[in-house]
Structure formats: C-alpha cells, structure tokens
Amino acid sequence: MPGRETSGCHHVHMLGGRSIQFARVFGIRIGVDPSWFFVLFLIIWSLSGYYGDNDGPFPDESGKAFALAVVSALLFFGSVLLHELGHALEARRSGIGIAGIDLWMFGGVAKMERDTRSAGEEFRVAAAGPLVTLLIAAACFGAVTLLEGSGAATDSARFDAGGSEVVAVLGYLTSINILLLVFNLIPGFPLDGGRIARAIAWKITGDRTRATRFAGTLGRGFSFLLLGLGAYLFLVGDVFSGIWFAIIGMFLGQAARSAVAQTELTSRIEGLSVSDVMDAEPVAVPDELTADRAYEDFFLRYGWPWFPVVDADGHLAGMVTRESVEGIPEPLRATETVASVMASDPGDAESSLRVDQDEPLESLLGREGLVRLGAVLAVDREGRLRGIVSSDDVRRALQGSAATI
C-alpha cells in the first residue's frame, strides 16, 4: 500500500457490480440495480392486466392498458425514490453523509455513510420516508376526489379502477403508496418501522446495540410470519404471491441479522476517526512528473499497482496505475506527465477515493473505494493529502477494539 510500509499490495475486487447511475438529485447519486429492471417488467406486466382485463377500466384496449402500466410503474418507483430522498435529506440535515440512493428489487435504499448517533436522530431519519409516502398517498387521494367528486373517494370499485386515464393512475398510486406505507411501518428492523422501534428502545435503554438487537429480533419474527404466509399462499394455489412473500421474508430475516451484526461491529470503533488509523506519511506522485520517472522512481521501486497523485500544493488530484503508465509508448514517456494518464476522483461519495481525515472510522465500512482498491485517501479540509487508510488498517482497528471489550 502506498505508505511507509514496503510490503506490496493487490487489488481487491468488489463482489457484484455497481448500480447504474441515471440521475443526481440535490447532489445525491441515484442509481438502479440490475434487479430493478426485472421487477419493473413484472409490475408493468401485472398492471397491463389490471388496466386491460374485463374487470379493469379499459377492457380490450391493450395499447392504452400497456401505456398506463408503464406510466404507473415508473410513477410508483418515483414514489419510492421520493421516500428514500426523505430519509436522505433528513440524514443530511443531521450531518450524515449520503453515499447515494439505489432502486432495486425490493424498492429502494438510501446509503448513509454512518449510523445515527442518538435516538432522536434515528427516529427523525426513520420517520422521514414514511411521512413522504403518506403525503404522496394523501395528495393522490385528494386529486382523485377533486377530479371525480366526493363519491369517488367512497366508491372503492370506482376509486380502484378509475373513470379516466388520469384517475386510474392516481387511484393506483394512492393504493400502492398506502400499501408501501403499511409495509414499511412493520416494526421489524431494518424496515422503517423497525428503525422507529429501535429509536424508542434506544431512548428507553440508552444503549444503541441493545436496542438494535431488540429491533432485529422483531425483524426476524416478522420474516418468519412472511415465510409462513408465503408457504400458505403457495399451498392454496397462489404460487406467484407465495414465492414473492417467501423471498421478502428471507430477505427481511437476512437483512435483520446483517444490520445487527453491522451495528455491533461499528460500536467497537465508536469514537475513532480516520486520522487515528491512517498512515500519515503517504507516498504520492507529483502530477507534473514525467511518466518515465514515475515508472522508475515509484512503480519499479515500490512494486505497488497504484499511487495517489498530488499537485504542487499537495492537493489530491487523483490516482495513477502502473497499467496506465505502461500503456504509454516508451518513446513518449519522457514527455507525457502523470496528470495526462491519472484517473481523477469520481466525486460521488459512494466511490470516491478520498475521505476527510476527521470523519468517523465507521464511515469507511463497506465503502466502495476501500473494497475495490484496498485503501482510501485521507485529506484535510483544503483537500491536501494527509494519509492513506488501507483495509488492513481498518481490520486491525476492529480487532484491537474487540480485544479491549
């Protein structure tokens, strides 16, 4: 690792791929996991039947039914995105960095760079998403009432099916957001309801880890209920719903166990910052150095696959790999500079090479740069390179903290 130690390092590859970025909202990276496309297809297929079958609002109008299904599915995921933005913006307001928001098979997830630090903070962040969903459902319900009159709000058949294309879509969005709200408020960790339950238990006990174990137990309990419901539906002939509930149950149980383990892990390094474990004497390549000198003085000398690159004032400019330097034809290496072949920092918090030296160490757990490259680069408030934190540094901190517990 580029630092004081001279032992070599190797690339650590991520298990699985990154989500596909399609937008930025309020500076937050929005991505979609490949599994999202599969679920999008299923929802469109299901809604095409909902709108176009004999009991739907537009029987025998397959073209219109398909178009409405596509619009409804996209608006549904738009509702999920707004739900996650509610979490993300409240977390930001509490000083928690957001690595990004991903839409995937089971909805969406706002990826916070650290856990909440108080019961009140946990409650506010957890409740923000359901509050947004409630507002969306109320707005859609109100719009249907205005468009169709008060009778539409009390006639369930008309409300579900709708008397026009707009009302049909709004009726679906009302129903699906109410369902989303109810599901998310199930008091099982890591669902929003489970996080609210954790906040309450945290407030009562004053112990985050103990509260997390309690909420995780609730989550595993509800996962067994969903598995049982899935098995029942499968046995009575509703195969698709049975399998779907079983998958959700298995996911909820696994997520609850993982969340509890993650909390217990982060509690071991609570109070440690990046600067406490970083190598404070990093080896960096000047951006104006020629490629031939970089190759001989750094890559051949140290044997490492990559180095951080700094400008004349010590500001982190990016990173350069041995592969990129070797890709320059030898006759040109004496004139090409490192700046011409270095990889610039991508900028988004999820995959950024850099981390503030004053950030809590727990913010590095699961960070893509640490997983992908085996290290992240610690900078000060002005962006000057101050150190390097490797995955081994984090592992030693966790082991050392565990030994003192």
Protein backbone atom coordinates (compact mmCIF):
# COMPACT_ATOMS: atom_id res chain seq x y z
CA MET A 1 0.00 0.00 0.00
CA PRO A 2 1.38 3.45 -0.84
CA GLY A 3 2.65 4.44 2.59
CA ARG A 4 5.55 3.88 4.92
CA GLU A 5 5.44 0.09 4.82
CA THR A 6 7.21 -1.53 1.89
CA SER A 7 5.18 -4.70 1.67
CA GLY A 8 3.25 -5.00 -1.60
CA CYS A 9 -0.49 -4.86 -2.04
CA HIS A 10 -3.01 -6.22 -4.51
CA HIS A 11 -6.33 -5.10 -5.90
CA VAL A 12 -9.45 -6.20 -4.05
CA HIS A 13 -12.39 -6.66 -6.42
CA MET A 14 -15.97 -6.00 -5.46
CA LEU A 15 -18.40 -8.87 -5.19
CA GLY A 16 -21.08 -7.98 -7.70
CA GLY A 17 -21.39 -4.82 -9.77
CA ARG A 18 -22.25 -1.27 -9.01
CA SER A 19 -25.66 0.17 -9.62
CA ILE A 20 -26.22 2.09 -12.84
CA GLN A 21 -26.33 5.84 -12.24
CA PHE A 22 -29.13 7.63 -14.06
CA ALA A 23 -29.51 10.94 -12.22
CA ARG A 24 -28.42 13.24 -9.42
CA VAL A 25 -31.00 14.87 -7.19
CA PHE A 26 -29.88 17.53 -4.69
CA GLY A 27 -26.35 16.32 -5.42
CA ILE A 28 -27.23 12.74 -4.40
CA ARG A 29 -26.30 9.95 -6.80
CA ILE A 30 -29.37 7.97 -7.91
CA GLY A 31 -28.72 4.51 -9.29
CA VAL A 32 -30.60 1.37 -10.25
CA ASP A 33 -29.54 -2.17 -9.55
CA PRO A 34 -29.95 -4.66 -12.45
CA SER A 35 -32.62 -6.47 -10.41
CA TRP A 36 -34.77 -3.33 -10.68
CA PHE A 37 -35.37 -3.91 -14.38
CA PHE A 38 -36.74 -7.39 -13.68
CA VAL A 39 -39.21 -6.07 -11.11
CA LEU A 40 -40.14 -3.16 -13.39
CA PHE A 41 -41.05 -5.70 -16.08
CA LEU A 42 -43.15 -7.73 -13.62
CA ILE A 43 -45.04 -4.64 -12.43
CA ILE A 44 -45.73 -3.48 -15.98
CA TRP A 45 -46.92 -6.97 -16.93
CA SER A 46 -49.20 -7.14 -13.87
CA LEU A 47 -50.61 -3.65 -14.37
CA SER A 48 -51.27 -4.27 -18.06
CA GLY A 49 -53.68 -6.98 -16.95
CA TYR A 50 -55.08 -4.79 -14.16
CA TYR A 51 -55.95 -1.98 -16.58
CA GLY A 52 -56.91 -4.11 -19.57
CA ASP A 53 -58.78 -7.19 -18.36
CA ASN A 54 -62.57 -7.46 -18.23
CA ASP A 55 -62.73 -6.06 -14.69
CA GLY A 56 -60.34 -3.20 -15.42
CA PRO A 57 -61.18 0.34 -16.52
CA PHE A 58 -60.08 -0.20 -20.15
CA PRO A 59 -61.04 -3.73 -21.26
CA ASP A 60 -59.95 -4.76 -24.75
CA GLU A 61 -57.74 -1.68 -25.07
CA SER A 62 -54.35 -3.38 -24.81
CA GLY A 63 -52.36 -0.42 -26.17
CA LYS A 64 -53.81 2.02 -23.67
CA ALA A 65 -53.53 -0.51 -20.83
CA PHE A 66 -49.84 -1.07 -21.57
CA ALA A 67 -49.11 2.66 -21.75
CA LEU A 68 -50.85 3.25 -18.43
CA ALA A 69 -48.99 0.31 -16.91
CA VAL A 70 -45.65 1.79 -17.93
CA VAL A 71 -46.56 5.24 -16.57
CA SER A 72 -47.91 3.77 -13.32
CA ALA A 73 -44.84 1.58 -12.77
CA LEU A 74 -42.46 4.48 -13.30
CA LEU A 75 -44.51 6.75 -11.03
CA PHE A 76 -44.53 4.04 -8.38
CA PHE A 77 -40.75 3.89 -8.42
CA GLY A 78 -40.78 7.68 -8.43
CA SER A 79 -42.73 7.44 -5.17
CA VAL A 80 -40.12 5.03 -3.81
CA LEU A 81 -37.38 7.46 -4.81
CA LEU A 82 -39.14 10.33 -3.02
CA HIS A 83 -39.50 8.10 0.04
CA GLU A 84 -35.75 7.46 0.07
CA LEU A 85 -35.00 11.13 -0.57
CA GLY A 86 -37.00 11.87 2.57
CA HIS A 87 -34.61 9.66 4.54
CA ALA A 88 -31.55 11.08 2.77
CA LEU A 89 -32.38 14.76 3.22
CA GLU A 90 -33.24 14.32 6.89
CA ALA A 91 -29.98 12.39 7.36
CA ARG A 92 -28.11 15.22 5.66
CA ARG A 93 -29.79 17.72 7.94
CA SER A 94 -28.42 15.69 10.85
CA GLY A 95 -24.90 15.83 9.43
CA ILE A 96 -24.87 12.30 7.99
CA GLY A 97 -23.31 11.95 4.54
CA ILE A 98 -25.26 10.11 1.85
CA ALA A 99 -23.30 7.83 -0.47
CA GLY A 100 -26.28 7.53 -2.82
CA ILE A 101 -29.73 6.08 -3.35
CA ASP A 102 -30.28 2.82 -5.20
CA LEU A 103 -33.52 1.41 -6.57
CA TRP A 104 -33.53 -2.36 -6.62
CA MET A 105 -35.62 -5.50 -6.42
CA PHE A 106 -37.30 -4.66 -3.11
CA GLY A 107 -37.77 -0.92 -3.59
CA GLY A 108 -35.01 1.47 -2.64
CA VAL A 109 -32.26 2.17 -0.15
CA ALA A 110 -30.60 5.41 0.97
CA LYS A 111 -26.99 4.55 1.78
CA MET A 112 -25.81 6.57 4.77
CA GLU A 113 -22.09 6.93 5.41
CA ARG A 114 -22.52 6.38 9.14
CA ASP A 115 -25.14 5.29 11.62
CA THR A 116 -27.22 7.74 13.60
CA ARG A 117 -25.75 8.91 16.92
CA SER A 118 -28.83 9.44 19.05
CA ALA A 119 -32.31 8.01 19.49
CA GLY A 120 -33.87 11.29 18.35
CA GLU A 121 -31.72 11.39 15.22
CA GLU A 122 -32.62 7.76 14.45
CA PHE A 123 -36.34 8.47 14.88
CA ARG A 124 -36.29 11.55 12.61
CA VAL A 125 -34.37 9.83 9.82
CA ALA A 126 -36.51 6.68 10.03
CA ALA A 127 -39.82 8.57 10.09
CA ALA A 128 -38.96 10.93 7.22
CA GLY A 129 -39.53 8.30 4.50
CA PRO A 130 -42.97 7.12 5.68
CA LEU A 131 -44.01 10.76 6.12
CA VAL A 132 -43.19 11.44 2.46
CA THR A 133 -45.13 8.33 1.40
CA LEU A 134 -48.11 9.44 3.49
CA LEU A 135 -48.06 12.86 1.81
CA ILE A 136 -47.91 11.26 -1.65
CA ALA A 137 -50.88 8.99 -0.86
CA ALA A 138 -52.86 11.92 0.56
CA ALA A 139 -52.07 14.10 -2.47
CA CYS A 140 -53.16 11.38 -4.91
CA PHE A 141 -56.30 10.68 -2.90
CA GLY A 142 -57.14 14.38 -2.84
CA ALA A 143 -56.57 14.69 -6.58
CA VAL A 144 -58.92 11.77 -7.28
CA THR A 145 -61.57 13.35 -5.07
CA LEU A 146 -61.24 16.70 -6.86
CA LEU A 147 -61.36 15.13 -10.32
CA GLU A 148 -64.19 12.68 -9.70
CA GLY A 149 -66.10 14.21 -6.81
CA SER A 150 -66.50 13.01 -3.26
CA GLY A 151 -68.27 9.87 -4.45
CA ALA A 152 -65.04 8.59 -5.98
CA ALA A 153 -63.39 8.59 -2.60
CA THR A 154 -66.09 6.40 -1.08
CA ASP A 155 -66.85 4.09 -4.01
CA SER A 156 -63.98 1.61 -3.76
CA ALA A 157 -64.60 0.00 -7.15
CA ARG A 158 -64.61 3.33 -8.94
CA PHE A 159 -61.63 4.53 -6.91
CA ASP A 160 -59.54 1.48 -7.78
CA ALA A 161 -60.48 1.31 -11.43
CA GLY A 162 -60.98 4.98 -12.15
CA GLY A 163 -63.25 6.67 -14.64
CA SER A 164 -60.43 8.13 -16.77
CA GLU A 165 -56.79 7.52 -17.51
CA VAL A 166 -55.59 10.14 -15.01
CA VAL A 167 -57.91 8.96 -12.26
CA ALA A 168 -56.97 5.33 -12.90
CA VAL A 169 -53.28 6.11 -12.43
CA LEU A 170 -53.91 8.31 -9.40
CA GLY A 171 -56.07 5.61 -7.86
CA TYR A 172 -53.31 3.06 -8.33
CA LEU A 173 -50.71 5.41 -6.85
CA THR A 174 -52.92 6.02 -3.83
CA SER A 175 -53.40 2.31 -3.21
CA ILE A 176 -49.78 1.32 -3.78
CA ASN A 177 -48.42 4.11 -1.57
CA ILE A 178 -50.78 3.14 1.23
CA LEU A 179 -49.52 -0.45 0.86
CA LEU A 180 -45.93 0.81 0.83
CA LEU A 181 -46.58 2.87 3.95
CA VAL A 182 -48.13 -0.05 5.84
CA PHE A 183 -45.34 -2.44 4.87
CA ASN A 184 -42.57 0.00 5.79
CA LEU A 185 -44.13 0.63 9.19
CA ILE A 186 -43.94 -3.06 10.15
CA PRO A 187 -41.91 -2.87 13.38
CA GLY A 188 -39.15 -5.16 12.15
CA PHE A 189 -35.57 -3.99 11.64
CA PRO A 190 -34.30 -2.82 9.17
CA LEU A 191 -37.68 -1.61 7.85
CA ASP A 192 -38.62 1.95 8.79
CA GLY A 193 -41.00 0.69 11.46
CA GLY A 194 -38.19 -1.39 12.89
CA ARG A 195 -35.88 1.62 12.95
CA ILE A 196 -38.57 3.60 14.75
CA ALA A 197 -38.88 0.72 17.23
CA ARG A 198 -35.10 0.81 17.64
CA ALA A 199 -35.22 4.55 18.30
CA ILE A 200 -37.83 4.04 21.02
CA ALA A 201 -35.88 1.17 22.61
CA TRP A 202 -32.69 3.22 22.33
CA LYS A 203 -34.35 6.14 24.11
CA ILE A 204 -35.60 3.86 26.91
CA THR A 205 -32.41 1.83 27.41
CA GLY A 206 -29.79 4.36 26.38
CA ASP A 207 -27.96 1.52 24.58
CA ARG A 208 -27.90 1.53 20.76
CA THR A 209 -26.57 -2.01 20.42
CA ARG A 210 -29.14 -3.44 22.82
CA ALA A 211 -31.92 -1.55 21.03
CA THR A 212 -30.69 -2.86 17.68
CA ARG A 213 -30.77 -6.46 18.94
CA PHE A 214 -34.37 -5.90 20.09
CA ALA A 215 -35.44 -4.43 16.74
CA GLY A 216 -33.54 -7.16 14.90
CA THR A 217 -35.42 -9.82 16.84
CA LEU A 218 -38.67 -8.18 15.75
CA GLY A 219 -37.43 -8.20 12.17
CA ARG A 220 -36.61 -11.90 12.26
CA GLY A 221 -40.02 -12.60 13.83
CA PHE A 222 -41.84 -10.83 11.02
CA SER A 223 -39.65 -12.62 8.48
CA PHE A 224 -40.96 -15.95 9.82
CA LEU A 225 -44.54 -14.64 9.51
CA LEU A 226 -43.93 -13.67 5.88
CA LEU A 227 -42.35 -17.06 5.17
CA GLY A 228 -45.39 -18.75 6.70
CA LEU A 229 -47.75 -16.59 4.67
CA GLY A 230 -45.79 -17.39 1.53
CA ALA A 231 -46.00 -21.11 2.22
CA TYR A 232 -49.76 -20.87 2.83
CA LEU A 233 -50.41 -18.95 -0.40
CA PHE A 234 -48.27 -21.43 -2.33
CA LEU A 235 -50.24 -24.37 -0.95
CA VAL A 236 -53.63 -22.83 -1.77
CA GLY A 237 -52.60 -22.26 -5.37
CA ASP A 238 -51.41 -18.65 -5.41
CA VAL A 239 -47.92 -19.70 -6.47
CA PHE A 240 -46.59 -16.29 -7.57
CA SER A 241 -47.66 -14.45 -4.39
CA GLY A 242 -46.43 -17.34 -2.25
CA ILE A 243 -42.97 -17.26 -3.77
CA TRP A 244 -42.84 -13.45 -3.58
CA PHE A 245 -43.77 -13.32 0.12
CA ALA A 246 -41.25 -16.08 0.86
CA ILE A 247 -38.50 -14.15 -0.90
CA ILE A 248 -39.36 -10.97 1.04
CA GLY A 249 -39.40 -12.98 4.28
CA MET A 250 -35.96 -14.45 3.61
CA PHE A 251 -34.61 -11.02 2.67
CA LEU A 252 -36.04 -9.39 5.81
CA GLY A 253 -34.58 -12.08 8.07
CA GLN A 254 -31.14 -11.85 6.47
CA ALA A 255 -31.21 -8.05 6.49
CA ALA A 256 -32.13 -8.01 10.19
CA ARG A 257 -29.22 -10.29 11.07
CA SER A 258 -26.81 -8.25 8.95
CA ALA A 259 -27.98 -4.95 10.44
CA VAL A 260 -27.49 -6.20 13.98
CA ALA A 261 -24.01 -7.52 13.13
CA GLN A 262 -23.12 -4.20 11.46
CA THR A 263 -24.22 -2.20 14.49
CA GLU A 264 -22.24 -4.39 16.87
CA LEU A 265 -19.24 -4.01 14.57
CA THR A 266 -19.43 -0.22 14.39
CA SER A 267 -19.90 0.05 18.14
CA ARG A 268 -16.38 -1.39 18.55
CA ILE A 269 -14.76 1.56 16.76
CA GLU A 270 -17.05 4.28 18.05
CA GLY A 271 -15.02 7.37 18.84
CA LEU A 272 -12.22 6.55 16.37
CA SER A 273 -11.66 8.82 13.38
CA VAL A 274 -9.88 8.22 10.09
CA SER A 275 -6.83 10.13 11.32
CA ASP A 276 -6.46 7.71 14.25
CA VAL A 277 -5.64 4.76 11.98
CA MET A 278 -4.30 6.28 8.76
CA ASP A 279 -0.70 6.07 7.56
CA ALA A 280 0.28 9.72 7.99
CA GLU A 281 3.30 9.50 5.65
CA PRO A 282 1.78 8.56 2.29
CA VAL A 283 3.90 8.10 -0.82
CA ALA A 284 2.40 10.24 -3.59
CA VAL A 285 3.36 11.01 -7.19
CA PRO A 286 3.54 14.68 -8.31
CA ASP A 287 1.14 15.34 -11.17
CA GLU A 288 3.82 17.09 -13.28
CA LEU A 289 6.28 14.19 -13.03
CA THR A 290 7.02 12.56 -16.36
CA ALA A 291 5.74 9.05 -16.93
CA ASP A 292 9.23 7.54 -17.27
CA ARG A 293 10.36 8.97 -13.92
CA ALA A 294 7.10 7.84 -12.25
CA TYR A 295 7.62 4.35 -13.61
CA GLU A 296 11.21 4.06 -12.42
CA ASP A 297 11.05 6.02 -9.16
CA PHE A 298 7.72 4.71 -7.92
CA PHE A 299 6.33 1.64 -9.68
CA LEU A 300 9.62 -0.23 -10.10
CA ARG A 301 10.94 0.92 -6.70
CA TYR A 302 7.90 0.08 -4.58
CA GLY A 303 6.17 -2.52 -6.72
CA TRP A 304 2.68 -1.20 -5.95
CA PRO A 305 -0.07 -1.20 -8.60
CA TRP A 306 -1.21 2.41 -7.99
CA PHE A 307 -0.31 5.65 -6.24
CA PRO A 308 -2.15 8.82 -5.24
CA VAL A 309 -1.33 11.88 -7.33
CA VAL A 310 -0.92 15.37 -5.84
CA ASP A 311 -0.41 18.83 -7.31
CA ALA A 312 2.35 21.26 -6.38
CA ASP A 313 0.48 22.34 -3.24
CA GLY A 314 -0.15 18.81 -2.04
CA HIS A 315 -3.83 18.71 -3.03
CA LEU A 316 -5.10 15.27 -4.02
CA ALA A 317 -5.59 15.23 -7.78
CA GLY A 318 -6.39 11.57 -8.41
CA MET A 319 -4.58 8.26 -8.73
CA VAL A 320 -2.27 6.70 -11.30
CA THR A 321 -1.94 2.99 -12.02
CA ARG A 322 1.04 1.05 -13.31
CA GLU A 323 -1.12 -0.19 -16.15
CA SER A 324 -1.89 3.36 -17.34
CA VAL A 325 1.81 4.31 -17.33
CA GLU A 326 2.82 1.13 -19.13
CA GLY A 327 0.15 1.92 -21.70
CA ILE A 328 2.16 4.96 -22.85
CA PRO A 329 4.57 4.07 -25.69
CA GLU A 330 8.14 4.15 -24.32
CA PRO A 331 9.32 6.94 -26.69
CA LEU A 332 6.59 9.21 -25.29
CA ARG A 333 7.08 8.50 -21.59
CA ALA A 334 9.76 11.18 -21.27
CA THR A 335 7.31 13.90 -22.36
CA GLU A 336 3.94 12.68 -21.06
CA THR A 337 3.15 13.69 -17.49
CA VAL A 338 1.37 11.71 -14.82
CA ALA A 339 -1.51 14.21 -14.97
CA SER A 340 -2.26 13.11 -18.53
CA VAL A 341 -2.90 9.48 -17.56
CA MET A 342 -4.13 9.66 -13.97
CA ALA A 343 -7.70 8.81 -13.01
CA SER A 344 -9.49 11.75 -11.42
CA ASP A 345 -11.58 11.29 -8.32
CA PRO A 346 -15.16 10.45 -9.45
CA GLY A 347 -16.55 12.86 -6.86
CA ASP A 348 -19.57 10.92 -5.61
CA ALA A 349 -19.35 9.82 -2.00
CA GLU A 350 -20.02 6.18 -2.81
CA SER A 351 -16.96 5.54 -4.95
CA SER A 352 -14.75 8.49 -4.04
CA LEU A 353 -11.08 7.80 -3.48
CA ARG A 354 -10.93 10.41 -0.75
CA VAL A 355 -12.24 10.72 2.76
CA ASP A 356 -11.97 13.56 5.26
CA GLN A 357 -9.37 12.74 7.88
CA ASP A 358 -11.77 13.85 10.62
CA GLU A 359 -14.62 11.55 9.58
CA PRO A 360 -15.56 8.72 11.94
CA LEU A 361 -13.85 5.48 11.05
CA GLU A 362 -17.20 3.69 10.77
CA SER A 363 -17.96 5.73 7.64
CA LEU A 364 -15.39 3.59 5.78
CA LEU A 365 -17.12 0.27 6.44
CA GLY A 366 -18.46 -1.01 3.15
CA ARG A 367 -17.13 1.99 1.22
CA GLU A 368 -16.53 1.06 -2.40
CA GLY A 369 -13.08 2.64 -2.68
CA LEU A 370 -11.86 0.62 0.28
CA VAL A 371 -13.33 -2.59 -1.12
CA ARG A 372 -12.29 -2.02 -4.72
CA LEU A 373 -8.78 -0.65 -4.24
CA GLY A 374 -7.97 -1.82 -0.74
CA ALA A 375 -7.47 1.74 0.51
CA VAL A 376 -8.88 5.26 0.59
CA LEU A 377 -7.01 8.56 0.70
CA ALA A 378 -7.41 10.84 3.71
CA VAL A 379 -7.44 14.59 3.05
CA ASP A 380 -7.80 17.71 5.16
CA ARG A 381 -10.45 20.40 4.73
CA GLU A 382 -8.45 22.03 1.93
CA GLY A 383 -8.15 18.75 0.02
CA ARG A 384 -4.47 18.15 0.79
CA LEU A 385 -3.41 14.53 1.05
CA ARG A 386 -2.68 13.69 4.70
CA GLY A 387 -2.70 9.92 4.81
CA ILE A 388 -3.83 6.57 3.48
CA VAL A 389 -6.18 4.13 5.17
CA SER A 390 -6.00 0.54 3.99
CA SER A 391 -8.47 -2.25 4.59
CA ASP A 392 -5.81 -3.81 6.82
CA ASP A 393 -5.73 -0.63 8.93
CA VAL A 394 -9.49 -0.83 9.44
CA ARG A 395 -9.32 -4.55 10.18
CA ARG A 396 -6.61 -4.02 12.80
CA ALA A 397 -8.69 -1.27 14.43
CA LEU A 398 -11.67 -3.60 14.63
CA GLN A 399 -9.57 -6.43 16.05
CA GLY A 400 -7.88 -4.13 18.54
CA SER A 401 -11.19 -2.72 19.72
CA ALA A 402 -12.67 -6.20 20.03
CA ALA A 403 -9.75 -7.26 22.20
CA THR A 404 -10.49 -4.47 24.68
CA ILE A 405 -14.21 -5.25 25.00
